[in-house]
Amino acid sequence: MTLFEALEFNKKPLEMLIRMGAKLNDIRYLDLYSEFKLMKSQGEKTTYCIAYLAEKYSISERTIYEVFKRFKKECILDAV
């Protein structure tokens, strides 16, 4: 299967996710967000979690905050 064929096959769900505010790169951050939620449920402070995850995943703290803001947003079709 080519990349074109894979995208064509998944076109409708991908379009829907984009209209709801998702970015295609967000899939890279699913594990990071799950780990954040686990750390928070164990009583860790948000700033510690962000700093730890930024170091672990080699991304900036600002990127993590931006991703988490999108992930916490209610999904509304055709959101901007």
C-alpha atoms as a PDB file:
ATOM      1  CA  MET A   1       0.000   0.000   0.000  1.00  0.00           C
ATOM      2  CA  THR A   2       1.326   3.447  -0.863  1.00  0.00           C
ATOM      3  CA  LEU A   3       1.050   6.508   1.347  1.00  0.00           C
ATOM      4  CA  PHE A   4      -1.500   7.934  -1.083  1.00  0.00           C
ATOM      5  CA  GLU A   5      -3.630   4.791  -0.807  1.00  0.00           C
ATOM      6  CA  ALA A   6      -3.427   4.828   2.991  1.00  0.00           C
ATOM      7  CA  LEU A   7      -4.477   8.474   3.129  1.00  0.00           C
ATOM      8  CA  GLU A   8      -7.260   7.934   0.611  1.00  0.00           C
ATOM      9  CA  PHE A   9      -8.565   4.963   2.608  1.00  0.00           C
ATOM     10  CA  ASN A  10      -8.616   7.028   5.842  1.00  0.00           C
ATOM     11  CA  LYS A  11      -9.669  10.320   4.255  1.00  0.00           C
ATOM     12  CA  LYS A  12     -13.041  10.778   5.981  1.00  0.00           C
ATOM     13  CA  PRO A  13     -11.889  10.089   9.568  1.00  0.00           C
ATOM     14  CA  LEU A  14      -8.794  12.250   9.064  1.00  0.00           C
ATOM     15  CA  GLU A  15     -10.856  15.129   7.670  1.00  0.00           C
ATOM     16  CA  MET A  16     -13.229  14.875  10.638  1.00  0.00           C
ATOM     17  CA  LEU A  17     -10.348  14.972  13.136  1.00  0.00           C
ATOM     18  CA  ILE A  18      -8.832  18.005  11.415  1.00  0.00           C
ATOM     19  CA  ARG A  19     -12.188  19.806  11.473  1.00  0.00           C
ATOM     20  CA  MET A  20     -12.378  19.095  15.228  1.00  0.00           C
ATOM     21  CA  GLY A  21      -9.031  20.813  15.804  1.00  0.00           C
ATOM     22  CA  ALA A  22      -6.592  17.880  15.747  1.00  0.00           C
ATOM     23  CA  LYS A  23      -3.235  18.135  14.075  1.00  0.00           C
ATOM     24  CA  LEU A  24      -1.872  15.059  12.338  1.00  0.00           C
ATOM     25  CA  ASN A  25       1.287  15.157  14.455  1.00  0.00           C
ATOM     26  CA  ASP A  26      -0.784  14.890  17.642  1.00  0.00           C
ATOM     27  CA  ILE A  27      -0.632  11.108  17.388  1.00  0.00           C
ATOM     28  CA  ARG A  28       3.014  11.392  18.487  1.00  0.00           C
ATOM     29  CA  TYR A  29       1.871  12.797  21.825  1.00  0.00           C
ATOM     30  CA  LEU A  30      -0.741  10.214  22.870  1.00  0.00           C
ATOM     31  CA  ASP A  31       1.684   8.273  25.086  1.00  0.00           C
ATOM     32  CA  LEU A  32       3.054  11.497  26.546  1.00  0.00           C
ATOM     33  CA  TYR A  33      -0.452  12.676  27.500  1.00  0.00           C
ATOM     34  CA  SER A  34      -1.340   9.285  28.985  1.00  0.00           C
ATOM     35  CA  GLU A  35       1.822   9.408  31.083  1.00  0.00           C
ATOM     36  CA  PHE A  36       0.961  12.946  32.202  1.00  0.00           C
ATOM     37  CA  LYS A  37      -2.503  11.866  33.322  1.00  0.00           C
ATOM     38  CA  LEU A  38      -1.008   8.937  35.248  1.00  0.00           C
ATOM     39  CA  MET A  39       1.533  11.175  36.980  1.00  0.00           C
ATOM     40  CA  LYS A  40      -1.184  13.675  37.908  1.00  0.00           C
ATOM     41  CA  SER A  41      -3.378  10.894  39.316  1.00  0.00           C
ATOM     42  CA  GLN A  42      -0.431   9.891  41.504  1.00  0.00           C
ATOM     43  CA  GLY A  43      -0.310  13.408  42.962  1.00  0.00           C
ATOM     44  CA  GLU A  44       2.576  14.932  41.016  1.00  0.00           C
ATOM     45  CA  LYS A  45       2.563  18.685  40.411  1.00  0.00           C
ATOM     46  CA  THR A  46       1.847  19.874  36.863  1.00  0.00           C
ATOM     47  CA  THR A  47       5.100  21.811  36.522  1.00  0.00           C
ATOM     48  CA  TYR A  48       7.125  18.774  37.597  1.00  0.00           C
ATOM     49  CA  CYS A  49       5.239  16.535  35.138  1.00  0.00           C
ATOM     50  CA  ILE A  50       5.812  18.956  32.274  1.00  0.00           C
ATOM     51  CA  ALA A  51       9.523  19.339  33.028  1.00  0.00           C
ATOM     52  CA  TYR A  52       9.989  15.577  33.395  1.00  0.00           C
ATOM     53  CA  LEU A  53       8.119  14.775  30.174  1.00  0.00           C
ATOM     54  CA  ALA A  54       9.912  17.509  28.211  1.00  0.00           C
ATOM     55  CA  GLU A  55      13.230  15.952  29.192  1.00  0.00           C
ATOM     56  CA  LYS A  56      12.061  12.380  28.575  1.00  0.00           C
ATOM     57  CA  TYR A  57      10.542  13.044  25.148  1.00  0.00           C
ATOM     58  CA  SER A  58      13.108  15.700  24.109  1.00  0.00           C
ATOM     59  CA  ILE A  59      10.552  18.398  23.341  1.00  0.00           C
ATOM     60  CA  SER A  60      10.042  21.859  24.766  1.00  0.00           C
ATOM     61  CA  GLU A  61       7.767  22.546  27.698  1.00  0.00           C
ATOM     62  CA  ARG A  62       5.934  25.080  25.520  1.00  0.00           C
ATOM     63  CA  THR A  63       5.125  22.334  22.989  1.00  0.00           C
ATOM     64  CA  ILE A  64       3.733  20.149  25.750  1.00  0.00           C
ATOM     65  CA  TYR A  65       1.493  22.956  27.017  1.00  0.00           C
ATOM     66  CA  GLU A  66       0.220  23.612  23.480  1.00  0.00           C
ATOM     67  CA  VAL A  67      -0.506  19.926  22.864  1.00  0.00           C
ATOM     68  CA  PHE A  68      -2.259  19.530  26.215  1.00  0.00           C
ATOM     69  CA  LYS A  69      -4.391  22.586  25.509  1.00  0.00           C
ATOM     70  CA  ARG A  70      -5.607  20.932  22.284  1.00  0.00           C
ATOM     71  CA  PHE A  71      -6.117  17.561  23.978  1.00  0.00           C
ATOM     72  CA  LYS A  72      -8.265  19.060  26.760  1.00  0.00           C
ATOM     73  CA  LYS A  73     -10.470  20.971  24.332  1.00  0.00           C
ATOM     74  CA  GLU A  74     -13.999  19.688  23.793  1.00  0.00           C
ATOM     75  CA  CYS A  75     -14.368  18.236  20.308  1.00  0.00           C
ATOM     76  CA  ILE A  76     -16.869  20.162  18.264  1.00  0.00           C
ATOM     77  CA  LEU A  77     -17.244  19.406  14.604  1.00  0.00           C
ATOM     78  CA  ASP A  78     -15.920  22.225  12.425  1.00  0.00           C
ATOM     79  CA  ALA A  79     -14.095  23.902  15.317  1.00  0.00           C
ATOM     80  CA  VAL A  80     -11.351  26.318  14.410  1.00  0.00           C
END
